[in-house]
């Protein structure tokens, strides 16, 4: 019985320290953690920082490990770091049978964020496809898929897998391209086509190009270029408050996240705003990371994990003693 209880406690601790995908649990961008610092930067509330190769992917967390993807020269990497110390545990190069021409500087060969099941890391590179790594960095060769995963033609255009672009395929493509960009709300709990029957409201103003919307404590938020931050009434879709994040007016790729009554944003030029959550939101502080970033932060165990172009940071309040409680996902409770 004692071993069973210890196993349950260890599993519960590991589960609590999960940020398993882009925007965390349920991809909702919300954490239940407490005491995450409001003030942070290269010399402020740093628990550790580690130099990493460049990449746009966001960090994910499985127990005592952080997973990233990156590129260096022509090489693609998956990297695992120790969450307590920032030490790089392993770094594995991915095959790269082709080099996709990237026409916009906003993108890169290591843009897709990893996902984890709490033990293993799953990564995708456009120049290869899908890879799976165990906690020790061993490549799960039985999980390797075709280098292109699935041809774009088959996935997006060839609806009936005929090998030809037919009238129905083309009309569907045109409809996708002609779709109106807007925030839309639909009533859940129904079946069938909800396009009309479940529709509640839409708002097409001040839409972000990249950052995902955030729902937190009864309020909906969006963030767009120029640091334009907006709160919405979720019942009507009407804008409650809109303003600029003064001191963080740049371009945005990272999505906002929420923790402990506050919202954290990250601009491309490394300005991290901390906002008091609420329909009448207020900016509490803007922190300068002194480096650019396109990555969405992660939260676990009272710490904020931020990836910039050159560094991976762990920020926490002073005197946080947590490493002794960590559960290493590389081992199973016995």
C-alpha atoms as a PDB file:
ATOM      1  CA  UNK A   1       0.000   0.000   0.000  1.00  0.00           C
ATOM      2  CA  UNK A   2       2.855   2.364   0.798  1.00  0.00           C
ATOM      3  CA  UNK A   3       4.366   1.868  -2.655  1.00  0.00           C
ATOM      4  CA  UNK A   4       0.979   2.429  -4.263  1.00  0.00           C
ATOM      5  CA  UNK A   5       0.522   5.739  -2.403  1.00  0.00           C
ATOM      6  CA  UNK A   6       4.013   6.910  -3.304  1.00  0.00           C
ATOM      7  CA  UNK A   7       3.350   6.076  -6.936  1.00  0.00           C
ATOM      8  CA  UNK A   8       0.105   8.033  -6.910  1.00  0.00           C
ATOM      9  CA  UNK A   9       1.751  11.052  -5.290  1.00  0.00           C
ATOM     10  CA  UNK A  10       4.600  11.001  -7.776  1.00  0.00           C
ATOM     11  CA  UNK A  11       2.199  10.666 -10.704  1.00  0.00           C
ATOM     12  CA  UNK A  12       0.070  13.514  -9.358  1.00  0.00           C
ATOM     13  CA  UNK A  13       3.130  15.726  -8.979  1.00  0.00           C
ATOM     14  CA  UNK A  14       4.267  14.953 -12.506  1.00  0.00           C
ATOM     15  CA  UNK A  15       0.801  15.679 -13.857  1.00  0.00           C
ATOM     16  CA  UNK A  16       0.722  19.021 -12.033  1.00  0.00           C
ATOM     17  CA  UNK A  17       3.976  20.025 -13.723  1.00  0.00           C
ATOM     18  CA  UNK A  18       2.743  19.578 -17.254  1.00  0.00           C
ATOM     19  CA  UNK A  19       2.623  22.138 -20.018  1.00  0.00           C
ATOM     20  CA  UNK A  20       2.210  19.444 -22.652  1.00  0.00           C
ATOM     21  CA  UNK A  21       1.651  21.490 -25.801  1.00  0.00           C
ATOM     22  CA  UNK A  22       1.458  24.970 -27.261  1.00  0.00           C
ATOM     23  CA  UNK A  23      -0.596  27.095 -24.800  1.00  0.00           C
ATOM     24  CA  UNK A  24      -0.474  24.392 -22.145  1.00  0.00           C
ATOM     25  CA  UNK A  25      -3.233  22.134 -20.778  1.00  0.00           C
ATOM     26  CA  UNK A  26      -6.170  21.864 -23.178  1.00  0.00           C
ATOM     27  CA  UNK A  27      -4.283  24.395 -25.380  1.00  0.00           C
ATOM     28  CA  UNK A  28      -6.217  27.042 -23.453  1.00  0.00           C
ATOM     29  CA  UNK A  29      -3.331  29.250 -22.373  1.00  0.00           C
ATOM     30  CA  UNK A  30      -4.449  29.145 -18.712  1.00  0.00           C
ATOM     31  CA  UNK A  31      -2.464  27.966 -15.690  1.00  0.00           C
ATOM     32  CA  UNK A  32      -3.642  27.464 -12.106  1.00  0.00           C
ATOM     33  CA  UNK A  33      -0.171  28.185 -10.699  1.00  0.00           C
ATOM     34  CA  UNK A  34       0.479  30.884  -8.084  1.00  0.00           C
ATOM     35  CA  UNK A  35       3.287  33.321  -7.244  1.00  0.00           C
ATOM     36  CA  UNK A  36       4.611  33.672 -10.782  1.00  0.00           C
ATOM     37  CA  UNK A  37       6.787  36.811 -10.905  1.00  0.00           C
ATOM     38  CA  UNK A  38       5.509  40.072 -12.354  1.00  0.00           C
ATOM     39  CA  UNK A  39       9.011  41.508 -12.697  1.00  0.00           C
ATOM     40  CA  UNK A  40      11.525  39.497 -14.706  1.00  0.00           C
ATOM     41  CA  UNK A  41      14.313  39.953 -17.213  1.00  0.00           C
ATOM     42  CA  UNK A  42      17.931  39.001 -17.959  1.00  0.00           C
ATOM     43  CA  UNK A  43      19.000  40.211 -14.507  1.00  0.00           C
ATOM     44  CA  UNK A  44      15.726  39.997 -12.571  1.00  0.00           C
ATOM     45  CA  UNK A  45      14.190  36.909 -10.905  1.00  0.00           C
ATOM     46  CA  UNK A  46      16.263  34.552 -13.066  1.00  0.00           C
ATOM     47  CA  UNK A  47      16.343  31.005 -11.713  1.00  0.00           C
ATOM     48  CA  UNK A  48      18.521  29.951 -14.626  1.00  0.00           C
ATOM     49  CA  UNK A  49      19.150  30.756 -18.281  1.00  0.00           C
ATOM     50  CA  UNK A  50      20.628  28.526 -20.976  1.00  0.00           C
ATOM     51  CA  UNK A  51      21.896  29.442 -24.423  1.00  0.00           C
ATOM     52  CA  UNK A  52      19.924  27.598 -27.110  1.00  0.00           C
ATOM     53  CA  UNK A  53      19.971  27.621 -30.932  1.00  0.00           C
ATOM     54  CA  UNK A  54      17.387  29.748 -32.645  1.00  0.00           C
ATOM     55  CA  UNK A  55      13.807  28.587 -33.167  1.00  0.00           C
ATOM     56  CA  UNK A  56      10.261  29.907 -33.117  1.00  0.00           C
ATOM     57  CA  UNK A  57       8.697  26.917 -31.394  1.00  0.00           C
ATOM     58  CA  UNK A  58       7.343  27.268 -27.865  1.00  0.00           C
ATOM     59  CA  UNK A  59       8.647  25.242 -24.900  1.00  0.00           C
ATOM     60  CA  UNK A  60       6.616  22.343 -23.528  1.00  0.00           C
ATOM     61  CA  UNK A  61       7.070  20.681 -20.133  1.00  0.00           C
ATOM     62  CA  UNK A  62       6.851  17.089 -18.951  1.00  0.00           C
ATOM     63  CA  UNK A  63       7.665  16.753 -15.256  1.00  0.00           C
ATOM     64  CA  UNK A  64      11.339  17.615 -14.868  1.00  0.00           C
ATOM     65  CA  UNK A  65      12.023  18.173 -18.571  1.00  0.00           C
ATOM     66  CA  UNK A  66      11.550  20.928 -21.122  1.00  0.00           C
ATOM     67  CA  UNK A  67      11.422  20.120 -24.827  1.00  0.00           C
ATOM     68  CA  UNK A  68      12.279  22.532 -27.663  1.00  0.00           C
ATOM     69  CA  UNK A  69      12.993  22.409 -31.370  1.00  0.00           C
ATOM     70  CA  UNK A  70      15.668  24.562 -32.980  1.00  0.00           C
ATOM     71  CA  UNK A  71      17.844  25.057 -36.032  1.00  0.00           C
ATOM     72  CA  UNK A  72      21.522  25.866 -36.365  1.00  0.00           C
ATOM     73  CA  UNK A  73      22.933  26.421 -39.818  1.00  0.00           C
ATOM     74  CA  UNK A  74      21.326  23.743 -41.977  1.00  0.00           C
ATOM     75  CA  UNK A  75      20.719  21.375 -39.057  1.00  0.00           C
ATOM     76  CA  UNK A  76      17.447  20.713 -37.202  1.00  0.00           C
ATOM     77  CA  UNK A  77      17.416  19.762 -33.524  1.00  0.00           C
ATOM     78  CA  UNK A  78      15.161  18.549 -30.764  1.00  0.00           C
ATOM     79  CA  UNK A  79      16.500  19.555 -27.334  1.00  0.00           C
ATOM     80  CA  UNK A  80      15.639  18.405 -23.820  1.00  0.00           C
ATOM     81  CA  UNK A  81      16.589  20.532 -20.807  1.00  0.00           C
ATOM     82  CA  UNK A  82      16.448  19.807 -17.109  1.00  0.00           C
ATOM     83  CA  UNK A  83      13.661  21.990 -15.738  1.00  0.00           C
ATOM     84  CA  UNK A  84      15.359  22.564 -12.394  1.00  0.00           C
ATOM     85  CA  UNK A  85      18.805  23.622 -13.604  1.00  0.00           C
ATOM     86  CA  UNK A  86      18.469  24.451 -17.300  1.00  0.00           C
ATOM     87  CA  UNK A  87      21.153  21.888 -18.147  1.00  0.00           C
ATOM     88  CA  UNK A  88      20.829  20.435 -21.639  1.00  0.00           C
ATOM     89  CA  UNK A  89      20.145  16.721 -21.181  1.00  0.00           C
ATOM     90  CA  UNK A  90      20.272  15.762 -24.818  1.00  0.00           C
ATOM     91  CA  UNK A  91      20.220  17.273 -28.289  1.00  0.00           C
ATOM     92  CA  UNK A  92      19.229  15.189 -31.301  1.00  0.00           C
ATOM     93  CA  UNK A  93      19.583  16.097 -34.945  1.00  0.00           C
ATOM     94  CA  UNK A  94      16.647  15.389 -37.254  1.00  0.00           C
ATOM     95  CA  UNK A  95      16.975  14.211 -40.854  1.00  0.00           C
ATOM     96  CA  UNK A  96      16.564  16.990 -43.417  1.00  0.00           C
ATOM     97  CA  UNK A  97      16.004  15.498 -46.878  1.00  0.00           C
ATOM     98  CA  UNK A  98      14.860  18.831 -48.303  1.00  0.00           C
ATOM     99  CA  UNK A  99      15.104  22.544 -47.542  1.00  0.00           C
ATOM    100  CA  UNK A 100      11.840  24.417 -47.873  1.00  0.00           C
ATOM    101  CA  UNK A 101      12.168  27.925 -49.248  1.00  0.00           C
ATOM    102  CA  UNK A 102      10.756  30.276 -46.614  1.00  0.00           C
ATOM    103  CA  UNK A 103       9.648  33.501 -48.227  1.00  0.00           C
ATOM    104  CA  UNK A 104       8.815  35.375 -45.030  1.00  0.00           C
ATOM    105  CA  UNK A 105      11.281  36.116 -42.253  1.00  0.00           C
ATOM    106  CA  UNK A 106       8.431  35.594 -39.791  1.00  0.00           C
ATOM    107  CA  UNK A 107       8.674  31.835 -40.238  1.00  0.00           C
ATOM    108  CA  UNK A 108      11.511  29.362 -39.868  1.00  0.00           C
ATOM    109  CA  UNK A 109      12.422  25.666 -40.146  1.00  0.00           C
ATOM    110  CA  UNK A 110      11.763  25.066 -36.416  1.00  0.00           C
ATOM    111  CA  UNK A 111       8.429  26.805 -35.912  1.00  0.00           C
ATOM    112  CA  UNK A 112       6.086  23.968 -34.909  1.00  0.00           C
ATOM    113  CA  UNK A 113       6.011  23.448 -31.137  1.00  0.00           C
ATOM    114  CA  UNK A 114       6.624  19.989 -29.658  1.00  0.00           C
ATOM    115  CA  UNK A 115       3.947  18.061 -27.784  1.00  0.00           C
ATOM    116  CA  UNK A 116       4.460  15.552 -24.982  1.00  0.00           C
ATOM    117  CA  UNK A 117       2.422  12.766 -23.400  1.00  0.00           C
ATOM    118  CA  UNK A 118       4.199  13.377 -20.108  1.00  0.00           C
ATOM    119  CA  UNK A 119       7.101  11.125 -21.009  1.00  0.00           C
ATOM    120  CA  UNK A 120       7.940  11.275 -24.701  1.00  0.00           C
ATOM    121  CA  UNK A 121       8.401  14.222 -27.070  1.00  0.00           C
ATOM    122  CA  UNK A 122       6.760  14.436 -30.487  1.00  0.00           C
ATOM    123  CA  UNK A 123       8.077  17.025 -32.948  1.00  0.00           C
ATOM    124  CA  UNK A 124       7.362  18.079 -36.506  1.00  0.00           C
ATOM    125  CA  UNK A 125       9.740  19.673 -38.990  1.00  0.00           C
ATOM    126  CA  UNK A 126       8.419  20.838 -42.357  1.00  0.00           C
ATOM    127  CA  UNK A 127      11.651  19.630 -43.991  1.00  0.00           C
ATOM    128  CA  UNK A 128      11.184  16.078 -42.733  1.00  0.00           C
ATOM    129  CA  UNK A 129       7.930  15.238 -40.983  1.00  0.00           C
ATOM    130  CA  UNK A 130       7.003  13.731 -37.611  1.00  0.00           C
ATOM    131  CA  UNK A 131       9.489  12.306 -35.093  1.00  0.00           C
ATOM    132  CA  UNK A 132       9.074  10.780 -31.642  1.00  0.00           C
ATOM    133  CA  UNK A 133      11.745  10.732 -28.932  1.00  0.00           C
ATOM    134  CA  UNK A 134      11.775   8.898 -25.627  1.00  0.00           C
ATOM    135  CA  UNK A 135      12.714  10.721 -22.409  1.00  0.00           C
ATOM    136  CA  UNK A 136      16.340   9.645 -22.916  1.00  0.00           C
ATOM    137  CA  UNK A 137      16.422  11.106 -26.422  1.00  0.00           C
ATOM    138  CA  UNK A 138      16.228   7.757 -28.156  1.00  0.00           C
ATOM    139  CA  UNK A 139      14.457   8.011 -31.490  1.00  0.00           C
ATOM    140  CA  UNK A 140      11.347   5.835 -31.650  1.00  0.00           C
ATOM    141  CA  UNK A 141      11.904   4.572 -35.178  1.00  0.00           C
ATOM    142  CA  UNK A 142       8.546   2.812 -35.267  1.00  0.00           C
ATOM    143  CA  UNK A 143       6.919   6.228 -34.847  1.00  0.00           C
ATOM    144  CA  UNK A 144       8.715   7.778 -37.822  1.00  0.00           C
ATOM    145  CA  UNK A 145       6.318   8.597 -40.617  1.00  0.00           C
ATOM    146  CA  UNK A 146       6.754   9.438 -44.253  1.00  0.00           C
ATOM    147  CA  UNK A 147       9.132  12.399 -44.673  1.00  0.00           C
ATOM    148  CA  UNK A 148       6.299  14.656 -45.802  1.00  0.00           C
ATOM    149  CA  UNK A 149       3.755  13.207 -43.337  1.00  0.00           C
ATOM    150  CA  UNK A 150       0.959  13.815 -45.812  1.00  0.00           C
ATOM    151  CA  UNK A 151       1.178  15.661 -49.093  1.00  0.00           C
ATOM    152  CA  UNK A 152      -0.443  19.071 -48.995  1.00  0.00           C
ATOM    153  CA  UNK A 153      -2.321  18.279 -52.150  1.00  0.00           C
ATOM    154  CA  UNK A 154      -4.040  15.304 -50.549  1.00  0.00           C
ATOM    155  CA  UNK A 155      -4.675  17.055 -47.264  1.00  0.00           C
ATOM    156  CA  UNK A 156      -6.018  20.385 -48.455  1.00  0.00           C
ATOM    157  CA  UNK A 157      -7.209  19.940 -52.029  1.00  0.00           C
ATOM    158  CA  UNK A 158      -7.824  16.365 -53.142  1.00  0.00           C
ATOM    159  CA  UNK A 159     -10.909  15.615 -51.051  1.00  0.00           C
ATOM    160  CA  UNK A 160     -11.668  12.229 -52.604  1.00  0.00           C
ATOM    161  CA  UNK A 161      -8.037  11.079 -53.086  1.00  0.00           C
ATOM    162  CA  UNK A 162      -8.583  10.778 -56.818  1.00  0.00           C
ATOM    163  CA  UNK A 163      -5.210  12.253 -57.666  1.00  0.00           C
ATOM    164  CA  UNK A 164      -6.880  15.055 -59.636  1.00  0.00           C
ATOM    165  CA  UNK A 165      -8.080  18.537 -58.802  1.00  0.00           C
ATOM    166  CA  UNK A 166     -11.768  18.314 -59.702  1.00  0.00           C
ATOM    167  CA  UNK A 167     -14.627  20.833 -59.601  1.00  0.00           C
ATOM    168  CA  UNK A 168     -15.717  19.890 -56.068  1.00  0.00           C
ATOM    169  CA  UNK A 169     -12.141  20.180 -54.792  1.00  0.00           C
ATOM    170  CA  UNK A 170     -11.719  23.597 -56.413  1.00  0.00           C
ATOM    171  CA  UNK A 171     -15.008  24.941 -55.075  1.00  0.00           C
ATOM    172  CA  UNK A 172     -14.080  23.836 -51.554  1.00  0.00           C
ATOM    173  CA  UNK A 173     -10.707  25.550 -51.899  1.00  0.00           C
ATOM    174  CA  UNK A 174     -12.392  28.762 -53.045  1.00  0.00           C
ATOM    175  CA  UNK A 175     -14.780  28.679 -50.079  1.00  0.00           C
ATOM    176  CA  UNK A 176     -11.879  28.335 -47.675  1.00  0.00           C
ATOM    177  CA  UNK A 177     -10.085  31.273 -49.247  1.00  0.00           C
ATOM    178  CA  UNK A 178     -13.221  33.412 -49.237  1.00  0.00           C
ATOM    179  CA  UNK A 179     -14.097  32.803 -45.603  1.00  0.00           C
ATOM    180  CA  UNK A 180     -14.602  35.881 -43.467  1.00  0.00           C
ATOM    181  CA  UNK A 181     -12.163  36.366 -40.607  1.00  0.00           C
ATOM    182  CA  UNK A 182     -14.055  37.041 -37.393  1.00  0.00           C
ATOM    183  CA  UNK A 183     -14.445  36.027 -33.786  1.00  0.00           C
ATOM    184  CA  UNK A 184     -17.504  33.788 -33.610  1.00  0.00           C
ATOM    185  CA  UNK A 185     -19.414  32.314 -30.703  1.00  0.00           C
ATOM    186  CA  UNK A 186     -21.536  29.174 -30.950  1.00  0.00           C
ATOM    187  CA  UNK A 187     -23.765  27.444 -28.430  1.00  0.00           C
ATOM    188  CA  UNK A 188     -22.497  23.983 -27.540  1.00  0.00           C
ATOM    189  CA  UNK A 189     -24.508  20.881 -26.661  1.00  0.00           C
ATOM    190  CA  UNK A 190     -26.183  20.471 -30.020  1.00  0.00           C
ATOM    191  CA  UNK A 191     -25.661  18.116 -32.929  1.00  0.00           C
ATOM    192  CA  UNK A 192     -25.315  18.534 -36.659  1.00  0.00           C
ATOM    193  CA  UNK A 193     -24.368  21.665 -38.570  1.00  0.00           C
ATOM    194  CA  UNK A 194     -24.179  24.518 -36.040  1.00  0.00           C
ATOM    195  CA  UNK A 195     -23.338  27.201 -38.589  1.00  0.00           C
ATOM    196  CA  UNK A 196     -26.789  28.740 -38.219  1.00  0.00           C
ATOM    197  CA  UNK A 197     -28.555  26.878 -35.411  1.00  0.00           C
ATOM    198  CA  UNK A 198     -25.810  27.354 -32.836  1.00  0.00           C
ATOM    199  CA  UNK A 199     -24.645  30.818 -33.863  1.00  0.00           C
ATOM    200  CA  UNK A 200     -24.589  33.460 -31.099  1.00  0.00           C
ATOM    201  CA  UNK A 201     -22.492  36.403 -32.295  1.00  0.00           C
ATOM    202  CA  UNK A 202     -19.489  37.509 -34.319  1.00  0.00           C
ATOM    203  CA  UNK A 203     -17.064  40.416 -34.173  1.00  0.00           C
ATOM    204  CA  UNK A 204     -14.703  41.144 -37.063  1.00  0.00           C
ATOM    205  CA  UNK A 205     -12.899  44.155 -35.585  1.00  0.00           C
ATOM    206  CA  UNK A 206      -9.277  44.305 -34.372  1.00  0.00           C
ATOM    207  CA  UNK A 207      -8.534  40.672 -35.126  1.00  0.00           C
ATOM    208  CA  UNK A 208      -5.022  39.348 -34.515  1.00  0.00           C
ATOM    209  CA  UNK A 209      -3.088  37.842 -37.406  1.00  0.00           C
ATOM    210  CA  UNK A 210      -1.210  35.248 -35.343  1.00  0.00           C
ATOM    211  CA  UNK A 211      -1.803  35.241 -31.536  1.00  0.00           C
ATOM    212  CA  UNK A 212      -4.662  33.026 -30.372  1.00  0.00           C
ATOM    213  CA  UNK A 213      -7.590  34.520 -28.436  1.00  0.00           C
ATOM    214  CA  UNK A 214      -7.598  33.931 -24.686  1.00  0.00           C
ATOM    215  CA  UNK A 215     -10.617  33.177 -22.482  1.00  0.00           C
ATOM    216  CA  UNK A 216      -9.992  33.721 -18.781  1.00  0.00           C
ATOM    217  CA  UNK A 217     -12.346  34.160 -15.843  1.00  0.00           C
ATOM    218  CA  UNK A 218     -15.358  35.116 -17.916  1.00  0.00           C
ATOM    219  CA  UNK A 219     -13.621  37.546 -20.283  1.00  0.00           C
ATOM    220  CA  UNK A 220     -12.378  37.046 -23.852  1.00  0.00           C
ATOM    221  CA  UNK A 221      -9.154  38.774 -24.969  1.00  0.00           C
ATOM    222  CA  UNK A 222      -7.291  39.315 -28.240  1.00  0.00           C
ATOM    223  CA  UNK A 223      -3.875  40.784 -29.017  1.00  0.00           C
ATOM    224  CA  UNK A 224      -2.758  42.148 -32.368  1.00  0.00           C
ATOM    225  CA  UNK A 225       0.067  44.049 -34.024  1.00  0.00           C
ATOM    226  CA  UNK A 226       0.954  47.342 -32.438  1.00  0.00           C
ATOM    227  CA  UNK A 227       0.239  45.956 -28.990  1.00  0.00           C
ATOM    228  CA  UNK A 228      -3.520  46.444 -29.358  1.00  0.00           C
ATOM    229  CA  UNK A 229      -5.134  44.528 -26.506  1.00  0.00           C
ATOM    230  CA  UNK A 230      -8.906  44.037 -26.406  1.00  0.00           C
ATOM    231  CA  UNK A 231     -11.412  42.581 -23.945  1.00  0.00           C
ATOM    232  CA  UNK A 232     -14.865  41.383 -25.044  1.00  0.00           C
ATOM    233  CA  UNK A 233     -18.209  40.694 -23.418  1.00  0.00           C
ATOM    234  CA  UNK A 234     -18.626  36.961 -23.992  1.00  0.00           C
ATOM    235  CA  UNK A 235     -22.438  37.201 -24.066  1.00  0.00           C
ATOM    236  CA  UNK A 236     -22.643  39.794 -26.833  1.00  0.00           C
ATOM    237  CA  UNK A 237     -19.211  39.916 -28.469  1.00  0.00           C
ATOM    238  CA  UNK A 238     -19.040  43.655 -27.893  1.00  0.00           C
ATOM    239  CA  UNK A 239     -15.703  45.288 -27.098  1.00  0.00           C
ATOM    240  CA  UNK A 240     -15.462  46.303 -23.445  1.00  0.00           C
ATOM    241  CA  UNK A 241     -12.009  47.868 -23.473  1.00  0.00           C
ATOM    242  CA  UNK A 242      -9.377  48.342 -26.139  1.00  0.00           C
ATOM    243  CA  UNK A 243      -6.007  49.987 -25.841  1.00  0.00           C
ATOM    244  CA  UNK A 244      -2.321  49.729 -26.621  1.00  0.00           C
ATOM    245  CA  UNK A 245       0.189  48.062 -24.346  1.00  0.00           C
ATOM    246  CA  UNK A 246       2.377  51.103 -23.866  1.00  0.00           C
ATOM    247  CA  UNK A 247       6.020  50.085 -23.912  1.00  0.00           C
ATOM    248  CA  UNK A 248       5.224  46.926 -25.904  1.00  0.00           C
ATOM    249  CA  UNK A 249       3.861  48.212 -29.206  1.00  0.00           C
ATOM    250  CA  UNK A 250       5.620  45.864 -31.604  1.00  0.00           C
ATOM    251  CA  UNK A 251       4.605  42.904 -33.724  1.00  0.00           C
ATOM    252  CA  UNK A 252       3.210  39.818 -31.977  1.00  0.00           C
ATOM    253  CA  UNK A 253       3.526  36.119 -32.768  1.00  0.00           C
ATOM    254  CA  UNK A 254       3.361  34.654 -29.247  1.00  0.00           C
ATOM    255  CA  UNK A 255      -0.104  34.069 -27.786  1.00  0.00           C
ATOM    256  CA  UNK A 256      -1.123  35.553 -24.422  1.00  0.00           C
ATOM    257  CA  UNK A 257      -1.343  33.259 -21.413  1.00  0.00           C
ATOM    258  CA  UNK A 258      -3.103  33.717 -18.056  1.00  0.00           C
ATOM    259  CA  UNK A 259      -1.958  32.781 -14.563  1.00  0.00           C
ATOM    260  CA  UNK A 260      -2.899  33.909 -11.045  1.00  0.00           C
ATOM    261  CA  UNK A 261      -5.173  36.748 -12.119  1.00  0.00           C
ATOM    262  CA  UNK A 262      -2.695  38.158 -14.622  1.00  0.00           C
ATOM    263  CA  UNK A 263      -2.122  37.943 -18.367  1.00  0.00           C
ATOM    264  CA  UNK A 264       1.364  37.649 -19.856  1.00  0.00           C
ATOM    265  CA  UNK A 265       2.192  38.736 -23.413  1.00  0.00           C
ATOM    266  CA  UNK A 266       5.421  38.685 -25.408  1.00  0.00           C
ATOM    267  CA  UNK A 267       6.178  40.923 -28.390  1.00  0.00           C
ATOM    268  CA  UNK A 268       8.543  39.984 -31.205  1.00  0.00           C
ATOM    269  CA  UNK A 269      11.153  42.434 -29.908  1.00  0.00           C
ATOM    270  CA  UNK A 270      11.109  40.862 -26.449  1.00  0.00           C
ATOM    271  CA  UNK A 271       8.841  43.201 -24.509  1.00  0.00           C
ATOM    272  CA  UNK A 272       6.833  41.146 -22.005  1.00  0.00           C
ATOM    273  CA  UNK A 273       3.746  42.888 -20.637  1.00  0.00           C
ATOM    274  CA  UNK A 274       2.034  41.738 -17.455  1.00  0.00           C
ATOM    275  CA  UNK A 275      -1.623  42.749 -17.321  1.00  0.00           C
ATOM    276  CA  UNK A 276      -4.141  42.651 -14.499  1.00  0.00           C
ATOM    277  CA  UNK A 277      -6.917  40.467 -15.880  1.00  0.00           C
ATOM    278  CA  UNK A 278     -10.484  41.730 -16.141  1.00  0.00           C
ATOM    279  CA  UNK A 279     -12.822  43.403 -18.563  1.00  0.00           C
ATOM    280  CA  UNK A 280     -11.255  46.731 -17.513  1.00  0.00           C
ATOM    281  CA  UNK A 281      -7.725  45.337 -17.699  1.00  0.00           C
ATOM    282  CA  UNK A 282      -4.697  47.380 -16.676  1.00  0.00           C
ATOM    283  CA  UNK A 283      -1.000  47.017 -17.525  1.00  0.00           C
ATOM    284  CA  UNK A 284       1.013  46.271 -14.394  1.00  0.00           C
ATOM    285  CA  UNK A 285       4.497  46.157 -15.899  1.00  0.00           C
ATOM    286  CA  UNK A 286       6.448  45.783 -19.134  1.00  0.00           C
ATOM    287  CA  UNK A 287       9.650  43.714 -18.884  1.00  0.00           C
ATOM    288  CA  UNK A 288      12.442  43.953 -21.460  1.00  0.00           C
ATOM    289  CA  UNK A 289      14.087  40.615 -22.304  1.00  0.00           C
ATOM    290  CA  UNK A 290      16.766  42.338 -24.443  1.00  0.00           C
ATOM    291  CA  UNK A 291      16.226  39.728 -27.160  1.00  0.00           C
ATOM    292  CA  UNK A 292      13.510  38.886 -29.672  1.00  0.00           C
ATOM    293  CA  UNK A 293      10.962  36.090 -29.382  1.00  0.00           C
ATOM    294  CA  UNK A 294       8.145  34.455 -31.306  1.00  0.00           C
ATOM    295  CA  UNK A 295       7.508  31.808 -28.651  1.00  0.00           C
ATOM    296  CA  UNK A 296       4.599  31.540 -26.218  1.00  0.00           C
ATOM    297  CA  UNK A 297       5.757  31.225 -22.576  1.00  0.00           C
ATOM    298  CA  UNK A 298       5.030  28.181 -20.422  1.00  0.00           C
ATOM    299  CA  UNK A 299       4.185  27.958 -16.708  1.00  0.00           C
ATOM    300  CA  UNK A 300       4.880  25.174 -14.226  1.00  0.00           C
ATOM    301  CA  UNK A 301       5.507  24.918 -10.501  1.00  0.00           C
ATOM    302  CA  UNK A 302       5.328  28.681  -9.902  1.00  0.00           C
ATOM    303  CA  UNK A 303       7.875  29.461 -12.581  1.00  0.00           C
ATOM    304  CA  UNK A 304       7.605  31.204 -15.925  1.00  0.00           C
ATOM    305  CA  UNK A 305       9.561  29.619 -18.787  1.00  0.00           C
ATOM    306  CA  UNK A 306      10.413  31.986 -21.637  1.00  0.00           C
ATOM    307  CA  UNK A 307      12.248  31.223 -24.848  1.00  0.00           C
ATOM    308  CA  UNK A 308      13.921  34.067 -26.746  1.00  0.00           C
ATOM    309  CA  UNK A 309      15.980  33.793 -29.916  1.00  0.00           C
ATOM    310  CA  UNK A 310      19.186  33.142 -27.973  1.00  0.00           C
ATOM    311  CA  UNK A 311      18.126  31.961 -24.504  1.00  0.00           C
ATOM    312  CA  UNK A 312      15.813  29.695 -22.566  1.00  0.00           C
ATOM    313  CA  UNK A 313      14.874  31.295 -19.223  1.00  0.00           C
ATOM    314  CA  UNK A 314      13.319  30.085 -16.005  1.00  0.00           C
ATOM    315  CA  UNK A 315      11.918  32.982 -13.973  1.00  0.00           C
ATOM    316  CA  UNK A 316      10.731  32.590 -10.400  1.00  0.00           C
ATOM    317  CA  UNK A 317      10.423  34.400  -7.131  1.00  0.00           C
ATOM    318  CA  UNK A 318      13.544  34.473  -4.931  1.00  0.00           C
ATOM    319  CA  UNK A 319      14.232  31.509  -2.648  1.00  0.00           C
ATOM    320  CA  UNK A 320      11.950  29.122  -4.532  1.00  0.00           C
ATOM    321  CA  UNK A 321      13.085  25.709  -3.326  1.00  0.00           C
ATOM    322  CA  UNK A 322      11.466  23.216  -5.670  1.00  0.00           C
ATOM    323  CA  UNK A 323      14.096  20.973  -7.208  1.00  0.00           C
ATOM    324  CA  UNK A 324      13.846  18.390  -4.422  1.00  0.00           C
ATOM    325  CA  UNK A 325      10.192  17.780  -5.336  1.00  0.00           C
ATOM    326  CA  UNK A 326      10.762  17.178  -9.041  1.00  0.00           C
ATOM    327  CA  UNK A 327       9.649  13.969 -10.706  1.00  0.00           C
ATOM    328  CA  UNK A 328      11.908  12.802 -13.528  1.00  0.00           C
ATOM    329  CA  UNK A 329       9.744  11.488 -16.364  1.00  0.00           C
ATOM    330  CA  UNK A 330      12.601   9.237 -17.398  1.00  0.00           C
ATOM    331  CA  UNK A 331      11.802   6.881 -14.523  1.00  0.00           C
ATOM    332  CA  UNK A 332       8.626   5.148 -13.462  1.00  0.00           C
ATOM    333  CA  UNK A 333       7.509   5.065  -9.792  1.00  0.00           C
ATOM    334  CA  UNK A 334       8.201   1.628  -8.327  1.00  0.00           C
END
